[in-house]
Amino acid sequence: MRTLIQRVAQASVSVDGQVIAEIGPGLLILICAMQGDDDAAARKLAQKIPKLRIFRDAAGKMNRSLADTGGAALVVSQFTLAADTSRGNRPGFSAAAAPAEGERLYRLFADELAAQGVAVQTGRFGADMAVSLINDGPVTIWMDD
């Protein structure tokens, strides 16, 4: 699974001009299931992300995790994270999982993240979404797991 994680002061996702999910402080997690990913990959990522120490402690150091802060997560599917730009000017997305499998793993990831005690909001799989955020830091982390 491929993710782009952003520490945010707030984030929201809209579909057709209507906000469908929003969070305050926490993480915006853009996620893409890749070909060959399985349930174990989704679960591993869902267990690791809440423990990442990327939030400030009292001294301003990144020593606290999402679990420590009680922050929320906004999980948004984004197949374009699978982009292959090695040939030509038009990205290819053949490395992404097939849509049905991608959606299943996306939902499993979100459910497993919630099982870790994280308040989870989600986008709408396959929809044309508008994502708004205030990146805190900025802190942005790319993960391939």
Protein backbone atom coordinates (compact mmCIF):
# COMPACT_ATOMS: atom_id res chain seq x y z
CA MET A 1 0.00 0.00 0.00
CA ARG A 2 1.26 3.44 -0.83
CA THR A 3 0.39 6.43 1.34
CA LEU A 4 1.07 10.10 1.58
CA ILE A 5 0.52 11.28 5.15
CA GLN A 6 0.12 14.93 6.05
CA ARG A 7 -0.04 16.28 9.58
CA VAL A 8 -2.91 18.74 9.52
CA ALA A 9 -4.53 21.37 11.69
CA GLN A 10 -7.74 20.53 9.84
CA ALA A 11 -8.85 18.77 6.67
CA SER A 12 -12.04 18.04 4.80
CA VAL A 13 -13.27 16.33 1.66
CA SER A 14 -16.19 17.42 -0.50
CA VAL A 15 -18.12 15.70 -3.27
CA ASP A 16 -20.33 17.78 -5.57
CA GLY A 17 -19.76 20.83 -3.37
CA GLN A 18 -20.94 19.09 -0.19
CA VAL A 19 -18.55 18.35 2.69
CA ILE A 20 -18.79 14.61 3.36
CA ALA A 21 -16.01 14.31 5.96
CA GLU A 22 -13.86 16.62 8.06
CA ILE A 23 -11.40 16.47 10.92
CA GLY A 24 -9.58 18.86 13.21
CA PRO A 25 -5.96 18.20 14.22
CA GLY A 26 -4.62 14.89 13.01
CA LEU A 27 -3.59 13.21 9.79
CA LEU A 28 -4.79 13.37 6.21
CA ILE A 29 -3.93 9.96 4.76
CA LEU A 30 -4.01 9.65 0.99
CA ILE A 31 -3.86 5.95 0.18
CA CYS A 32 -3.54 3.69 -2.85
CA ALA A 33 -3.73 -0.09 -2.93
CA MET A 34 -1.12 -1.44 -5.33
CA GLN A 35 -1.21 -4.67 -7.32
CA GLY A 36 -0.12 -7.49 -5.07
CA ASP A 37 -1.22 -5.80 -1.85
CA ASP A 38 -3.16 -7.96 0.57
CA ASP A 39 -5.00 -7.77 3.88
CA ALA A 40 -1.74 -8.10 5.82
CA ALA A 41 -0.33 -4.98 4.12
CA ALA A 42 -3.42 -2.93 4.99
CA ARG A 43 -3.37 -4.12 8.60
CA LYS A 44 0.37 -3.48 8.99
CA LEU A 45 0.00 0.09 7.76
CA ALA A 46 -3.04 0.70 9.97
CA GLN A 47 -1.05 -0.45 12.99
CA LYS A 48 2.04 1.60 12.15
CA ILE A 49 0.57 5.00 11.27
CA PRO A 50 -1.03 5.80 14.66
CA LYS A 51 2.35 5.16 16.31
CA LEU A 52 4.42 7.45 14.05
CA ARG A 53 5.97 10.09 16.28
CA ILE A 54 5.36 13.12 14.07
CA PHE A 55 3.50 15.45 16.45
CA ARG A 56 5.18 18.06 18.63
CA ASP A 57 5.79 17.51 22.32
CA ALA A 58 6.00 20.34 24.88
CA ALA A 59 9.57 21.09 23.74
CA GLY A 60 8.54 21.34 20.08
CA LYS A 61 10.21 18.04 19.10
CA MET A 62 8.41 15.43 17.00
CA ASN A 63 8.00 12.89 19.79
CA ARG A 64 4.24 12.32 19.97
CA SER A 65 2.06 10.03 17.89
CA LEU A 66 -1.51 10.32 16.66
CA ALA A 67 -2.41 7.85 19.41
CA ASP A 68 -0.73 10.12 21.98
CA THR A 69 -2.51 13.27 20.80
CA GLY A 70 -5.96 11.77 20.29
CA GLY A 71 -6.06 13.31 16.82
CA ALA A 72 -8.29 12.08 14.01
CA ALA A 73 -7.56 10.69 10.56
CA LEU A 74 -9.15 11.58 7.24
CA VAL A 75 -8.53 8.66 4.87
CA VAL A 76 -8.89 9.42 1.16
CA SER A 77 -8.41 6.92 -1.66
CA GLN A 78 -6.06 8.20 -4.33
CA PHE A 79 -5.12 5.79 -7.13
CA THR A 80 -2.88 8.45 -8.69
CA LEU A 81 -0.27 7.63 -6.04
CA ALA A 82 0.47 4.64 -8.29
CA ALA A 83 1.56 6.94 -11.13
CA ASP A 84 4.42 5.72 -13.28
CA THR A 85 6.08 8.68 -14.98
CA SER A 86 9.08 6.84 -16.35
CA ARG A 87 7.89 6.89 -19.97
CA GLY A 88 6.54 9.88 -21.81
CA ASN A 89 4.47 12.68 -20.36
CA ARG A 90 1.28 10.82 -19.52
CA PRO A 91 1.42 8.92 -16.22
CA GLY A 92 0.42 5.28 -16.22
CA PHE A 93 -1.56 3.77 -13.36
CA SER A 94 -1.34 0.05 -14.11
CA ALA A 95 0.49 -0.58 -10.82
CA ALA A 96 -2.67 0.32 -8.87
CA ALA A 97 -4.88 -2.52 -7.69
CA ALA A 98 -8.05 -3.18 -9.68
CA PRO A 99 -10.88 -0.91 -8.48
CA ALA A 100 -12.84 -3.57 -6.58
CA GLU A 101 -9.72 -4.80 -4.76
CA GLY A 102 -8.52 -1.25 -4.19
CA GLU A 103 -11.82 -0.30 -2.57
CA ARG A 104 -11.83 -3.42 -0.40
CA LEU A 105 -8.30 -2.76 0.88
CA TYR A 106 -9.05 0.95 1.37
CA ARG A 107 -12.06 0.09 3.53
CA LEU A 108 -10.10 -2.58 5.42
CA PHE A 109 -7.34 -0.06 6.13
CA ALA A 110 -9.83 2.53 7.45
CA ASP A 111 -11.58 -0.09 9.61
CA GLU A 112 -8.27 -1.34 11.02
CA LEU A 113 -7.17 2.22 11.75
CA ALA A 114 -10.42 2.79 13.65
CA ALA A 115 -9.79 -0.47 15.53
CA GLN A 116 -6.54 1.12 16.76
CA GLY A 117 -8.65 3.75 18.54
CA VAL A 118 -8.32 6.48 15.92
CA ALA A 119 -11.37 8.59 15.04
CA VAL A 120 -11.59 7.97 11.28
CA GLN A 121 -13.43 9.88 8.56
CA THR A 122 -13.25 8.79 4.93
CA GLY A 123 -13.64 10.17 1.46
CA ARG A 124 -15.80 8.43 -1.14
CA PHE A 125 -13.96 5.78 -3.13
CA GLY A 126 -13.92 6.51 -6.86
CA ALA A 127 -15.57 9.92 -6.51
CA ASP A 128 -14.25 13.19 -7.86
CA MET A 129 -13.32 14.76 -4.52
CA ALA A 130 -12.11 18.17 -3.46
CA VAL A 131 -9.71 17.85 -0.53
CA SER A 132 -8.97 20.88 1.64
CA LEU A 133 -6.32 20.98 4.32
CA ILE A 134 -4.15 23.13 6.47
CA ASN A 135 -0.83 21.29 6.59
CA ASP A 136 0.71 21.63 10.04
CA GLY A 137 4.46 22.11 9.93
CA PRO A 138 4.37 21.30 7.09
CA VAL A 139 4.89 17.62 7.80
CA THR A 140 4.37 15.29 4.83
CA ILE A 141 5.56 11.68 4.82
CA TRP A 142 5.57 9.17 1.96
CA MET A 143 5.18 5.51 2.94
CA ASP A 144 5.38 2.36 0.86
CA ASP A 145 4.48 -0.66 2.95
